[in-house]
Amino acid sequence: MSSSYQTSRNSSSTWTPRENKLFEKALALFDKDAPDRWQNIATAVGGVKSAEEVKKHYEILLEDLRNIECGRIPIPKYKSAGSCNNKNEEERLLKYLNLQ
């Protein structure tokens, strides 16, 4: 993801790779219509982020995805991990994000 995904804009909140992974997993667990979604995701990230920080991080992720889709940000070149197909892995991860 772009650097804006790693560090929230307008916030001093830095996200570690571990927190990002927990965040991504929690997004798949808690439906967009789930009550207290942002608080639940904040708890799943380890309780070190507020619900507001989690929601802002999600909004930045969506903005980055839109920019990638529009061609404003190139898709990062990932190192090949043996027989893994990074494009398929990316599609698998992104299918859980609803951009509507």
PDB file of N, CA and C in Angstrom:
ATOM      1  N   MET A   1       0.831  -1.186   0.000  1.00  0.00           N
ATOM      2  CA  MET A   1       0.000   0.000   0.000  1.00  0.00           C
ATOM      3  C   MET A   1       0.873   1.246   0.000  1.00  0.00           C
ATOM      4  N   SER A   2       0.275   2.356  -0.242  1.00  0.00           N
ATOM      5  CA  SER A   2       1.038   3.589  -0.272  1.00  0.00           C
ATOM      6  C   SER A   2       1.423   3.996   1.136  1.00  0.00           C
ATOM      7  N   SER A   3       2.291   4.965   1.222  1.00  0.00           N
ATOM      8  CA  SER A   3       2.764   5.400   2.528  1.00  0.00           C
ATOM      9  C   SER A   3       1.638   5.975   3.369  1.00  0.00           C
ATOM     10  N   SER A   4       0.601   6.520   2.748  1.00  0.00           N
ATOM     11  CA  SER A   4      -0.501   7.067   3.534  1.00  0.00           C
ATOM     12  C   SER A   4      -1.240   5.971   4.291  1.00  0.00           C
ATOM     13  N   TYR A   5      -1.222   4.751   3.759  1.00  0.00           N
ATOM     14  CA  TYR A   5      -1.843   3.632   4.449  1.00  0.00           C
ATOM     15  C   TYR A   5      -1.040   3.256   5.682  1.00  0.00           C
ATOM     16  N   GLN A   6       0.266   3.408   5.622  1.00  0.00           N
ATOM     17  CA  GLN A   6       1.119   3.039   6.736  1.00  0.00           C
ATOM     18  C   GLN A   6       1.010   4.036   7.892  1.00  0.00           C
ATOM     19  N   THR A   7       0.919   5.302   7.607  1.00  0.00           N
ATOM     20  CA  THR A   7       0.825   6.324   8.639  1.00  0.00           C
ATOM     21  C   THR A   7      -0.386   7.189   8.344  1.00  0.00           C
ATOM     22  N   SER A   8      -1.306   7.251   9.282  1.00  0.00           N
ATOM     23  CA  SER A   8      -2.531   8.015   9.075  1.00  0.00           C
ATOM     24  C   SER A   8      -2.217   9.486   8.905  1.00  0.00           C
ATOM     25  N   ARG A   9      -2.812  10.092   7.892  1.00  0.00           N
ATOM     26  CA  ARG A   9      -2.680  11.522   7.689  1.00  0.00           C
ATOM     27  C   ARG A   9      -3.408  12.239   8.809  1.00  0.00           C
ATOM     28  N   ASN A  10      -2.920  13.448   9.138  1.00  0.00           N
ATOM     29  CA  ASN A  10      -3.534  14.257  10.182  1.00  0.00           C
ATOM     30  C   ASN A  10      -3.552  13.538  11.528  1.00  0.00           C
ATOM     31  N   SER A  11      -2.647  12.621  11.735  1.00  0.00           N
ATOM     32  CA  SER A  11      -2.576  11.895  12.989  1.00  0.00           C
ATOM     33  C   SER A  11      -1.151  11.443  13.198  1.00  0.00           C
ATOM     34  N   SER A  12      -0.737  11.364  14.457  1.00  0.00           N
ATOM     35  CA  SER A  12       0.592  10.867  14.746  1.00  0.00           C
ATOM     36  C   SER A  12       0.576   9.358  14.945  1.00  0.00           C
ATOM     37  N   SER A  13      -0.548   8.735  14.681  1.00  0.00           N
ATOM     38  CA  SER A  13      -0.701   7.304  14.874  1.00  0.00           C
ATOM     39  C   SER A  13       0.019   6.521  13.788  1.00  0.00           C
ATOM     40  N   THR A  14       1.032   5.757  14.170  1.00  0.00           N
ATOM     41  CA  THR A  14       1.760   4.908  13.246  1.00  0.00           C
ATOM     42  C   THR A  14       1.276   3.485  13.408  1.00  0.00           C
ATOM     43  N   TRP A  15       1.095   2.815  12.293  1.00  0.00           N
ATOM     44  CA  TRP A  15       0.615   1.435  12.292  1.00  0.00           C
ATOM     45  C   TRP A  15       1.769   0.498  11.965  1.00  0.00           C
ATOM     46  N   THR A  16       1.987  -0.487  12.809  1.00  0.00           N
ATOM     47  CA  THR A  16       3.029  -1.472  12.561  1.00  0.00           C
ATOM     48  C   THR A  16       2.511  -2.495  11.545  1.00  0.00           C
ATOM     49  N   PRO A  17       3.413  -3.244  10.918  1.00  0.00           N
ATOM     50  CA  PRO A  17       2.953  -4.308  10.017  1.00  0.00           C
ATOM     51  C   PRO A  17       2.024  -5.302  10.724  1.00  0.00           C
ATOM     52  N   ARG A  18       2.312  -5.615  11.972  1.00  0.00           N
ATOM     53  CA  ARG A  18       1.455  -6.535  12.727  1.00  0.00           C
ATOM     54  C   ARG A  18       0.058  -5.945  12.922  1.00  0.00           C
ATOM     55  N   GLU A  19      -0.009  -4.657  13.299  1.00  0.00           N
ATOM     56  CA  GLU A  19      -1.302  -3.998  13.467  1.00  0.00           C
ATOM     57  C   GLU A  19      -2.071  -3.959  12.154  1.00  0.00           C
ATOM     58  N   ASN A  20      -1.377  -3.700  11.059  1.00  0.00           N
ATOM     59  CA  ASN A  20      -2.038  -3.689   9.752  1.00  0.00           C
ATOM     60  C   ASN A  20      -2.621  -5.058   9.423  1.00  0.00           C
ATOM     61  N   LYS A  21      -1.887  -6.116   9.716  1.00  0.00           N
ATOM     62  CA  LYS A  21      -2.369  -7.471   9.440  1.00  0.00           C
ATOM     63  C   LYS A  21      -3.603  -7.768  10.303  1.00  0.00           C
ATOM     64  N   LEU A  22      -3.559  -7.408  11.576  1.00  0.00           N
ATOM     65  CA  LEU A  22      -4.718  -7.601  12.455  1.00  0.00           C
ATOM     66  C   LEU A  22      -5.904  -6.771  11.977  1.00  0.00           C
ATOM     67  N   PHE A  23      -5.630  -5.557  11.519  1.00  0.00           N
ATOM     68  CA  PHE A  23      -6.657  -4.663  10.979  1.00  0.00           C
ATOM     69  C   PHE A  23      -7.339  -5.308   9.774  1.00  0.00           C
ATOM     70  N   GLU A  24      -6.535  -5.835   8.850  1.00  0.00           N
ATOM     71  CA  GLU A  24      -7.084  -6.465   7.643  1.00  0.00           C
ATOM     72  C   GLU A  24      -7.940  -7.681   8.001  1.00  0.00           C
ATOM     73  N   LYS A  25      -7.474  -8.485   8.933  1.00  0.00           N
ATOM     74  CA  LYS A  25      -8.246  -9.652   9.354  1.00  0.00           C
ATOM     75  C   LYS A  25      -9.560  -9.227  10.018  1.00  0.00           C
ATOM     76  N   ALA A  26      -9.494  -8.195  10.840  1.00  0.00           N
ATOM     77  CA  ALA A  26     -10.696  -7.717  11.532  1.00  0.00           C
ATOM     78  C   ALA A  26     -11.706  -7.143  10.537  1.00  0.00           C
ATOM     79  N   LEU A  27     -11.229  -6.490   9.479  1.00  0.00           N
ATOM     80  CA  LEU A  27     -12.148  -5.978   8.456  1.00  0.00           C
ATOM     81  C   LEU A  27     -12.961  -7.120   7.847  1.00  0.00           C
ATOM     82  N   ALA A  28     -12.322  -8.268   7.661  1.00  0.00           N
ATOM     83  CA  ALA A  28     -13.023  -9.422   7.094  1.00  0.00           C
ATOM     84  C   ALA A  28     -13.994 -10.032   8.099  1.00  0.00           C
ATOM     85  N   LEU A  29     -13.711  -9.875   9.385  1.00  0.00           N
ATOM     86  CA  LEU A  29     -14.575 -10.473  10.418  1.00  0.00           C
ATOM     87  C   LEU A  29     -15.815  -9.649  10.725  1.00  0.00           C
ATOM     88  N   PHE A  30     -15.651  -8.332  10.766  1.00  0.00           N
ATOM     89  CA  PHE A  30     -16.748  -7.462  11.194  1.00  0.00           C
ATOM     90  C   PHE A  30     -17.382  -6.774   9.989  1.00  0.00           C
ATOM     91  N   ASP A  31     -18.584  -7.194   9.661  1.00  0.00           N
ATOM     92  CA  ASP A  31     -19.328  -6.661   8.526  1.00  0.00           C
ATOM     93  C   ASP A  31     -19.504  -5.159   8.664  1.00  0.00           C
ATOM     94  N   LYS A  32     -19.624  -4.482   7.511  1.00  0.00           N
ATOM     95  CA  LYS A  32     -19.770  -3.015   7.532  1.00  0.00           C
ATOM     96  C   LYS A  32     -21.014  -2.555   8.288  1.00  0.00           C
ATOM     97  N   ASP A  33     -22.005  -3.423   8.436  1.00  0.00           N
ATOM     98  CA  ASP A  33     -23.223  -3.053   9.155  1.00  0.00           C
ATOM     99  C   ASP A  33     -23.240  -3.555  10.595  1.00  0.00           C
ATOM    100  N   ALA A  34     -22.130  -4.160  11.037  1.00  0.00           N
ATOM    101  CA  ALA A  34     -22.075  -4.686  12.403  1.00  0.00           C
ATOM    102  C   ALA A  34     -22.107  -3.538  13.411  1.00  0.00           C
ATOM    103  N   PRO A  35     -22.874  -3.718  14.472  1.00  0.00           N
ATOM    104  CA  PRO A  35     -22.876  -2.673  15.504  1.00  0.00           C
ATOM    105  C   PRO A  35     -21.486  -2.565  16.136  1.00  0.00           C
ATOM    106  N   ASP A  36     -21.083  -1.360  16.451  1.00  0.00           N
ATOM    107  CA  ASP A  36     -19.778  -1.112  17.073  1.00  0.00           C
ATOM    108  C   ASP A  36     -18.618  -1.670  16.248  1.00  0.00           C
ATOM    109  N   ARG A  37     -18.757  -1.636  14.927  1.00  0.00           N
ATOM    110  CA  ARG A  37     -17.720  -2.193  14.050  1.00  0.00           C
ATOM    111  C   ARG A  37     -16.342  -1.622  14.349  1.00  0.00           C
ATOM    112  N   TRP A  38     -16.222  -0.311  14.435  1.00  0.00           N
ATOM    113  CA  TRP A  38     -14.916   0.320  14.600  1.00  0.00           C
ATOM    114  C   TRP A  38     -14.315   0.002  15.959  1.00  0.00           C
ATOM    115  N   GLN A  39     -15.152  -0.043  16.987  1.00  0.00           N
ATOM    116  CA  GLN A  39     -14.642  -0.406  18.317  1.00  0.00           C
ATOM    117  C   GLN A  39     -14.194  -1.862  18.339  1.00  0.00           C
ATOM    118  N   ASN A  40     -14.952  -2.737  17.695  1.00  0.00           N
ATOM    119  CA  ASN A  40     -14.575  -4.151  17.628  1.00  0.00           C
ATOM    120  C   ASN A  40     -13.251  -4.335  16.892  1.00  0.00           C
ATOM    121  N   ILE A  41     -13.071  -3.596  15.809  1.00  0.00           N
ATOM    122  CA  ILE A  41     -11.822  -3.691  15.049  1.00  0.00           C
ATOM    123  C   ILE A  41     -10.671  -3.128  15.883  1.00  0.00           C
ATOM    124  N   ALA A  42     -10.914  -2.030  16.588  1.00  0.00           N
ATOM    125  CA  ALA A  42      -9.876  -1.456  17.455  1.00  0.00           C
ATOM    126  C   ALA A  42      -9.440  -2.467  18.515  1.00  0.00           C
ATOM    127  N   THR A  43     -10.388  -3.169  19.079  1.00  0.00           N
ATOM    128  CA  THR A  43     -10.071  -4.207  20.065  1.00  0.00           C
ATOM    129  C   THR A  43      -9.275  -5.338  19.420  1.00  0.00           C
ATOM    130  N   ALA A  44      -9.674  -5.738  18.214  1.00  0.00           N
ATOM    131  CA  ALA A  44      -8.985  -6.823  17.502  1.00  0.00           C
ATOM    132  C   ALA A  44      -7.555  -6.451  17.133  1.00  0.00           C
ATOM    133  N   VAL A  45      -7.299  -5.161  16.936  1.00  0.00           N
ATOM    134  CA  VAL A  45      -5.954  -4.693  16.597  1.00  0.00           C
ATOM    135  C   VAL A  45      -5.057  -4.729  17.835  1.00  0.00           C
ATOM    136  N   GLY A  46      -5.628  -4.933  18.979  1.00  0.00           N
ATOM    137  CA  GLY A  46      -4.843  -5.036  20.199  1.00  0.00           C
ATOM    138  C   GLY A  46      -5.223  -4.017  21.251  1.00  0.00           C
ATOM    139  N   GLY A  47      -6.234  -3.210  20.955  1.00  0.00           N
ATOM    140  CA  GLY A  47      -6.698  -2.231  21.925  1.00  0.00           C
ATOM    141  C   GLY A  47      -5.823  -1.003  22.056  1.00  0.00           C
ATOM    142  N   VAL A  48      -4.822  -0.860  21.183  1.00  0.00           N
ATOM    143  CA  VAL A  48      -3.934   0.302  21.256  1.00  0.00           C
ATOM    144  C   VAL A  48      -4.391   1.443  20.350  1.00  0.00           C
ATOM    145  N   LYS A  49      -5.379   1.171  19.507  1.00  0.00           N
ATOM    146  CA  LYS A  49      -5.933   2.186  18.601  1.00  0.00           C
ATOM    147  C   LYS A  49      -7.363   2.488  19.034  1.00  0.00           C
ATOM    148  N   SER A  50      -7.750   3.740  18.877  1.00  0.00           N
ATOM    149  CA  SER A  50      -9.132   4.112  19.173  1.00  0.00           C
ATOM    150  C   SER A  50     -10.021   3.738  17.987  1.00  0.00           C
ATOM    151  N   ALA A  51     -11.323   3.703  18.240  1.00  0.00           N
ATOM    152  CA  ALA A  51     -12.271   3.442  17.156  1.00  0.00           C
ATOM    153  C   ALA A  51     -12.135   4.507  16.069  1.00  0.00           C
ATOM    154  N   GLU A  52     -11.885   5.744  16.467  1.00  0.00           N
ATOM    155  CA  GLU A  52     -11.710   6.836  15.498  1.00  0.00           C
ATOM    156  C   GLU A  52     -10.455   6.632  14.659  1.00  0.00           C
ATOM    157  N   GLU A  53      -9.349   6.189  15.273  1.00  0.00           N
ATOM    158  CA  GLU A  53      -8.125   5.924  14.513  1.00  0.00           C
ATOM    159  C   GLU A  53      -8.338   4.791  13.507  1.00  0.00           C
ATOM    160  N   VAL A  54      -9.072   3.766  13.926  1.00  0.00           N
ATOM    161  CA  VAL A  54      -9.354   2.627  13.050  1.00  0.00           C
ATOM    162  C   VAL A  54     -10.205   3.070  11.859  1.00  0.00           C
ATOM    163  N   LYS A  55     -11.230   3.863  12.135  1.00  0.00           N
ATOM    164  CA  LYS A  55     -12.095   4.338  11.059  1.00  0.00           C
ATOM    165  C   LYS A  55     -11.300   5.216  10.078  1.00  0.00           C
ATOM    166  N   LYS A  56     -10.452   6.085  10.580  1.00  0.00           N
ATOM    167  CA  LYS A  56      -9.633   6.952   9.725  1.00  0.00           C
ATOM    168  C   LYS A  56      -8.670   6.111   8.887  1.00  0.00           C
ATOM    169  N   HIS A  57      -8.094   5.082   9.489  1.00  0.00           N
ATOM    170  CA  HIS A  57      -7.175   4.191   8.769  1.00  0.00           C
ATOM    171  C   HIS A  57      -7.911   3.496   7.620  1.00  0.00           C
ATOM    172  N   TYR A  58      -9.140   3.098   7.865  1.00  0.00           N
ATOM    173  CA  TYR A  58      -9.966   2.468   6.828  1.00  0.00           C
ATOM    174  C   TYR A  58     -10.270   3.454   5.700  1.00  0.00           C
ATOM    175  N   GLU A  59     -10.611   4.683   6.051  1.00  0.00           N
ATOM    176  CA  GLU A  59     -10.896   5.701   5.040  1.00  0.00           C
ATOM    177  C   GLU A  59      -9.666   5.981   4.175  1.00  0.00           C
ATOM    178  N   ILE A  60      -8.493   5.991   4.781  1.00  0.00           N
ATOM    179  CA  ILE A  60      -7.253   6.198   4.029  1.00  0.00           C
ATOM    180  C   ILE A  60      -6.993   5.008   3.114  1.00  0.00           C
ATOM    181  N   LEU A  61      -7.261   3.807   3.606  1.00  0.00           N
ATOM    182  CA  LEU A  61      -7.106   2.610   2.778  1.00  0.00           C
ATOM    183  C   LEU A  61      -8.014   2.690   1.555  1.00  0.00           C
ATOM    184  N   LEU A  62      -9.269   3.065   1.757  1.00  0.00           N
ATOM    185  CA  LEU A  62     -10.201   3.194   0.630  1.00  0.00           C
ATOM    186  C   LEU A  62      -9.726   4.245  -0.365  1.00  0.00           C
ATOM    187  N   GLU A  63      -9.238   5.367   0.146  1.00  0.00           N
ATOM    188  CA  GLU A  63      -8.727   6.425  -0.731  1.00  0.00           C
ATOM    189  C   GLU A  63      -7.540   5.906  -1.553  1.00  0.00           C
ATOM    190  N   ASP A  64      -6.648   5.178  -0.902  1.00  0.00           N
ATOM    191  CA  ASP A  64      -5.504   4.604  -1.618  1.00  0.00           C
ATOM    192  C   ASP A  64      -5.960   3.627  -2.688  1.00  0.00           C
ATOM    193  N   LEU A  65      -6.933   2.790  -2.366  1.00  0.00           N
ATOM    194  CA  LEU A  65      -7.442   1.829  -3.348  1.00  0.00           C
ATOM    195  C   LEU A  65      -8.083   2.537  -4.537  1.00  0.00           C
ATOM    196  N   ARG A  66      -8.836   3.588  -4.268  1.00  0.00           N
ATOM    197  CA  ARG A  66      -9.436   4.366  -5.362  1.00  0.00           C
ATOM    198  C   ARG A  66      -8.354   4.990  -6.237  1.00  0.00           C
ATOM    199  N   ASN A  67      -7.317   5.527  -5.607  1.00  0.00           N
ATOM    200  CA  ASN A  67      -6.220   6.135  -6.369  1.00  0.00           C
ATOM    201  C   ASN A  67      -5.487   5.105  -7.213  1.00  0.00           C
ATOM    202  N   ILE A  68      -5.310   3.902  -6.690  1.00  0.00           N
ATOM    203  CA  ILE A  68      -4.684   2.827  -7.466  1.00  0.00           C
ATOM    204  C   ILE A  68      -5.569   2.460  -8.648  1.00  0.00           C
ATOM    205  N   GLU A  69      -6.882   2.308  -8.404  1.00  0.00           N
ATOM    206  CA  GLU A  69      -7.805   1.957  -9.487  1.00  0.00           C
ATOM    207  C   GLU A  69      -7.851   3.014 -10.574  1.00  0.00           C
ATOM    208  N   CYS A  70      -7.691   4.275 -10.202  1.00  0.00           N
ATOM    209  CA  CYS A  70      -7.708   5.369 -11.177  1.00  0.00           C
ATOM    210  C   CYS A  70      -6.356   5.566 -11.848  1.00  0.00           C
ATOM    211  N   GLY A  71      -5.356   4.806 -11.443  1.00  0.00           N
ATOM    212  CA  GLY A  71      -4.033   4.920 -12.028  1.00  0.00           C
ATOM    213  C   GLY A  71      -3.192   6.042 -11.469  1.00  0.00           C
ATOM    214  N   ARG A  72      -3.647   6.677 -10.398  1.00  0.00           N
ATOM    215  CA  ARG A  72      -2.878   7.773  -9.801  1.00  0.00           C
ATOM    216  C   ARG A  72      -1.700   7.252  -8.981  1.00  0.00           C
ATOM    217  N   ILE A  73      -1.820   6.043  -8.455  1.00  0.00           N
ATOM    218  CA  ILE A  73      -0.754   5.400  -7.691  1.00  0.00           C
ATOM    219  C   ILE A  73      -0.500   4.048  -8.337  1.00  0.00           C
ATOM    220  N   PRO A  74       0.734   3.778  -8.717  1.00  0.00           N
ATOM    221  CA  PRO A  74       1.004   2.470  -9.332  1.00  0.00           C
ATOM    222  C   PRO A  74       0.904   1.359  -8.296  1.00  0.00           C
ATOM    223  N   ILE A  75       0.481   0.201  -8.744  1.00  0.00           N
ATOM    224  CA  ILE A  75       0.435  -0.960  -7.865  1.00  0.00           C
ATOM    225  C   ILE A  75       1.868  -1.321  -7.525  1.00  0.00           C
ATOM    226  N   PRO A  76       2.162  -1.495  -6.235  1.00  0.00           N
ATOM    227  CA  PRO A  76       3.543  -1.803  -5.853  1.00  0.00           C
ATOM    228  C   PRO A  76       4.025  -3.102  -6.481  1.00  0.00           C
ATOM    229  N   LYS A  77       5.312  -3.145  -6.777  1.00  0.00           N
ATOM    230  CA  LYS A  77       5.944  -4.360  -7.277  1.00  0.00           C
ATOM    231  C   LYS A  77       6.347  -5.194  -6.062  1.00  0.00           C
ATOM    232  N   TYR A  78       5.757  -6.358  -5.927  1.00  0.00           N
ATOM    233  CA  TYR A  78       6.070  -7.239  -4.815  1.00  0.00           C
ATOM    234  C   TYR A  78       7.091  -8.267  -5.255  1.00  0.00           C
ATOM    235  N   LYS A  79       7.945  -8.664  -4.324  1.00  0.00           N
ATOM    236  CA  LYS A  79       8.899  -9.722  -4.616  1.00  0.00           C
ATOM    237  C   LYS A  79       8.136 -11.017  -4.775  1.00  0.00           C
ATOM    238  N   SER A  80       8.582 -11.824  -5.690  1.00  0.00           N
ATOM    239  CA  SER A  80       7.962 -13.119  -5.911  1.00  0.00           C
ATOM    240  C   SER A  80       8.233 -14.011  -4.719  1.00  0.00           C
ATOM    241  N   ALA A  81       7.200 -14.665  -4.238  1.00  0.00           N
ATOM    242  CA  ALA A  81       7.326 -15.580  -3.100  1.00  0.00           C
ATOM    243  C   ALA A  81       7.192 -17.006  -3.604  1.00  0.00           C
ATOM    244  N   GLY A  82       8.133 -17.427  -4.423  1.00  0.00           N
ATOM    245  CA  GLY A  82       8.104 -18.786  -4.952  1.00  0.00           C
ATOM    246  C   GLY A  82       6.972 -18.974  -5.916  1.00  0.00           C
ATOM    247  N   SER A  83       6.108 -19.935  -5.637  1.00  0.00           N
ATOM    248  CA  SER A  83       5.010 -20.240  -6.550  1.00  0.00           C
ATOM    249  C   SER A  83       3.756 -19.419  -6.278  1.00  0.00           C
ATOM    250  N   CYS A  84       3.820 -18.502  -5.306  1.00  0.00           N
ATOM    251  CA  CYS A  84       2.638 -17.698  -4.985  1.00  0.00           C
ATOM    252  C   CYS A  84       2.371 -16.700  -6.105  1.00  0.00           C
ATOM    253  N   ASN A  85       1.111 -16.533  -6.425  1.00  0.00           N
ATOM    254  CA  ASN A  85       0.715 -15.560  -7.426  1.00  0.00           C
ATOM    255  C   ASN A  85       0.228 -14.323  -6.689  1.00  0.00           C
ATOM    256  N   ASN A  86       1.048 -13.256  -6.672  1.00  0.00           N
ATOM    257  CA  ASN A  86       0.710 -12.055  -5.921  1.00  0.00           C
ATOM    258  C   ASN A  86      -0.579 -11.410  -6.395  1.00  0.00           C
ATOM    259  N   LYS A  87      -0.865 -11.465  -7.692  1.00  0.00           N
ATOM    260  CA  LYS A  87      -2.103 -10.875  -8.200  1.00  0.00           C
ATOM    261  C   LYS A  87      -3.310 -11.599  -7.619  1.00  0.00           C
ATOM    262  N   ASN A  88      -3.269 -12.920  -7.571  1.00  0.00           N
ATOM    263  CA  ASN A  88      -4.373 -13.672  -6.984  1.00  0.00           C
ATOM    264  C   ASN A  88      -4.498 -13.399  -5.493  1.00  0.00           C
ATOM    265  N   GLU A  89      -3.374 -13.274  -4.800  1.00  0.00           N
ATOM    266  CA  GLU A  89      -3.404 -12.978  -3.370  1.00  0.00           C
ATOM    267  C   GLU A  89      -4.006 -11.596  -3.134  1.00  0.00           C
ATOM    268  N   GLU A  90      -3.620 -10.630  -3.956  1.00  0.00           N
ATOM    269  CA  GLU A  90      -4.164  -9.279  -3.829  1.00  0.00           C
ATOM    270  C   GLU A  90      -5.672  -9.284  -4.072  1.00  0.00           C
ATOM    271  N   GLU A  91      -6.120  -9.984  -5.103  1.00  0.00           N
ATOM    272  CA  GLU A  91      -7.552 -10.070  -5.392  1.00  0.00           C
ATOM    273  C   GLU A  91      -8.299 -10.722  -4.234  1.00  0.00           C
ATOM    274  N   ARG A  92      -7.703 -11.752  -3.638  1.00  0.00           N
ATOM    275  CA  ARG A  92      -8.332 -12.444  -2.510  1.00  0.00           C
ATOM    276  C   ARG A  92      -8.509 -11.488  -1.334  1.00  0.00           C
ATOM    277  N   LEU A  93      -7.472 -10.679  -1.046  1.00  0.00           N
ATOM    278  CA  LEU A  93      -7.550  -9.748   0.070  1.00  0.00           C
ATOM    279  C   LEU A  93      -8.520  -8.604  -0.199  1.00  0.00           C
ATOM    280  N   LEU A  94      -8.536  -8.103  -1.432  1.00  0.00           N
ATOM    281  CA  LEU A  94      -9.373  -6.951  -1.753  1.00  0.00           C
ATOM    282  C   LEU A  94     -10.849  -7.294  -1.902  1.00  0.00           C
ATOM    283  N   LYS A  95     -11.169  -8.569  -2.095  1.00  0.00           N
ATOM    284  CA  LYS A  95     -12.579  -8.913  -2.285  1.00  0.00           C
ATOM    285  C   LYS A  95     -13.414  -8.623  -1.042  1.00  0.00           C
ATOM    286  N   TYR A  96     -12.761  -8.514   0.121  1.00  0.00           N
ATOM    287  CA  TYR A  96     -13.478  -8.232   1.354  1.00  0.00           C
ATOM    288  C   TYR A  96     -13.776  -6.751   1.542  1.00  0.00           C
ATOM    289  N   LEU A  97     -13.143  -5.912   0.741  1.00  0.00           N
ATOM    290  CA  LEU A  97     -13.370  -4.470   0.861  1.00  0.00           C
ATOM    291  C   LEU A  97     -14.473  -4.044  -0.092  1.00  0.00           C
ATOM    292  N   ASN A  98     -15.455  -3.390   0.428  1.00  0.00           N
ATOM    293  CA  ASN A  98     -16.566  -2.905  -0.384  1.00  0.00           C
ATOM    294  C   ASN A  98     -16.333  -1.430  -0.637  1.00  0.00           C
ATOM    295  N   LEU A  99     -16.089  -1.066  -1.888  1.00  0.00           N
ATOM    296  CA  LEU A  99     -15.794   0.325  -2.226  1.00  0.00           C
ATOM    297  C   LEU A  99     -17.030   1.119  -2.616  1.00  0.00           C
ATOM    298  N   GLN A 100     -18.171   0.590  -2.364  1.00  0.00           N
ATOM    299  CA  GLN A 100     -19.395   1.298  -2.746  1.00  0.00           C
ATOM    300  C   GLN A 100     -19.891   2.177  -1.643  1.00  0.00           C
TER     301      GLN A 100
END
